[in-house]
């Protein structure tokens, strides 16, 4: 089950730098996680200052 970023994302970029496999990138509205690359480690969710990342 990959992680997803909700519309609560403030596009701070913290999660992108924390992802060990580079699965996070800036999308049109906010950052997005590539589900095929996500290894479900949860590092991004722990790093998100607004709690916008959760398990799908």
C-alpha atoms as a PDB file:
ATOM      1  CA  UNK A   1       0.000   0.000   0.000  1.00  0.00           C
ATOM      2  CA  UNK A   2       1.712   3.175  -1.194  1.00  0.00           C
ATOM      3  CA  UNK A   3       1.548   6.478   0.627  1.00  0.00           C
ATOM      4  CA  UNK A   4      -0.432   9.409  -0.785  1.00  0.00           C
ATOM      5  CA  UNK A   5      -0.266  13.167  -0.309  1.00  0.00           C
ATOM      6  CA  UNK A   6      -3.559  14.963   0.321  1.00  0.00           C
ATOM      7  CA  UNK A   7      -4.670  18.427  -0.736  1.00  0.00           C
ATOM      8  CA  UNK A   8      -3.534  19.616   2.710  1.00  0.00           C
ATOM      9  CA  UNK A   9       0.025  19.676   1.305  1.00  0.00           C
ATOM     10  CA  UNK A  10       1.613  23.138   1.510  1.00  0.00           C
ATOM     11  CA  UNK A  11       4.360  22.247  -1.028  1.00  0.00           C
ATOM     12  CA  UNK A  12       7.207  22.815   1.412  1.00  0.00           C
ATOM     13  CA  UNK A  13       9.312  20.047  -0.158  1.00  0.00           C
ATOM     14  CA  UNK A  14      10.352  18.400   3.090  1.00  0.00           C
ATOM     15  CA  UNK A  15       9.039  14.994   2.039  1.00  0.00           C
ATOM     16  CA  UNK A  16      10.868  15.003  -1.294  1.00  0.00           C
ATOM     17  CA  UNK A  17      14.236  15.292   0.435  1.00  0.00           C
ATOM     18  CA  UNK A  18      13.398  12.567   2.944  1.00  0.00           C
ATOM     19  CA  UNK A  19      12.274   9.889   0.452  1.00  0.00           C
ATOM     20  CA  UNK A  20      15.056   7.268   0.194  1.00  0.00           C
ATOM     21  CA  UNK A  21      13.956   6.102  -3.279  1.00  0.00           C
ATOM     22  CA  UNK A  22      13.084   9.433  -4.906  1.00  0.00           C
ATOM     23  CA  UNK A  23       9.392   8.583  -5.313  1.00  0.00           C
ATOM     24  CA  UNK A  24       8.189  12.122  -4.512  1.00  0.00           C
ATOM     25  CA  UNK A  25       8.078  15.021  -6.945  1.00  0.00           C
ATOM     26  CA  UNK A  26       6.312  18.365  -7.344  1.00  0.00           C
ATOM     27  CA  UNK A  27       2.949  17.974  -9.065  1.00  0.00           C
ATOM     28  CA  UNK A  28       0.592  20.599 -10.480  1.00  0.00           C
ATOM     29  CA  UNK A  29      -1.216  21.356  -7.216  1.00  0.00           C
ATOM     30  CA  UNK A  30       1.120  19.815  -4.617  1.00  0.00           C
ATOM     31  CA  UNK A  31       3.773  17.144  -4.194  1.00  0.00           C
ATOM     32  CA  UNK A  32       2.902  13.646  -5.402  1.00  0.00           C
ATOM     33  CA  UNK A  33       4.158  10.137  -4.659  1.00  0.00           C
ATOM     34  CA  UNK A  34       4.805   7.648  -7.467  1.00  0.00           C
ATOM     35  CA  UNK A  35       2.993   4.558  -6.169  1.00  0.00           C
ATOM     36  CA  UNK A  36       5.126   2.226  -8.292  1.00  0.00           C
ATOM     37  CA  UNK A  37       8.348   3.565  -6.751  1.00  0.00           C
ATOM     38  CA  UNK A  38       7.119   3.930  -3.146  1.00  0.00           C
ATOM     39  CA  UNK A  39       8.621   1.328  -0.797  1.00  0.00           C
ATOM     40  CA  UNK A  40       6.106   2.147   1.955  1.00  0.00           C
ATOM     41  CA  UNK A  41       8.725   3.083   4.534  1.00  0.00           C
ATOM     42  CA  UNK A  42       6.688   5.972   5.980  1.00  0.00           C
ATOM     43  CA  UNK A  43       9.628   8.354   6.204  1.00  0.00           C
ATOM     44  CA  UNK A  44       7.750  11.001   4.233  1.00  0.00           C
ATOM     45  CA  UNK A  45       4.698  10.821   6.492  1.00  0.00           C
ATOM     46  CA  UNK A  46       6.854  11.256   9.586  1.00  0.00           C
ATOM     47  CA  UNK A  47       8.608  14.262   8.044  1.00  0.00           C
ATOM     48  CA  UNK A  48       5.503  16.115   6.825  1.00  0.00           C
ATOM     49  CA  UNK A  49       4.950  19.191   9.035  1.00  0.00           C
ATOM     50  CA  UNK A  50       1.215  19.396   8.245  1.00  0.00           C
ATOM     51  CA  UNK A  51       0.310  15.689   8.305  1.00  0.00           C
ATOM     52  CA  UNK A  52      -0.694  15.617   4.638  1.00  0.00           C
ATOM     53  CA  UNK A  53       0.784  12.179   3.939  1.00  0.00           C
ATOM     54  CA  UNK A  54      -0.914   8.907   4.831  1.00  0.00           C
ATOM     55  CA  UNK A  55      -1.038   5.252   3.781  1.00  0.00           C
ATOM     56  CA  UNK A  56      -3.448   4.730   0.916  1.00  0.00           C
END
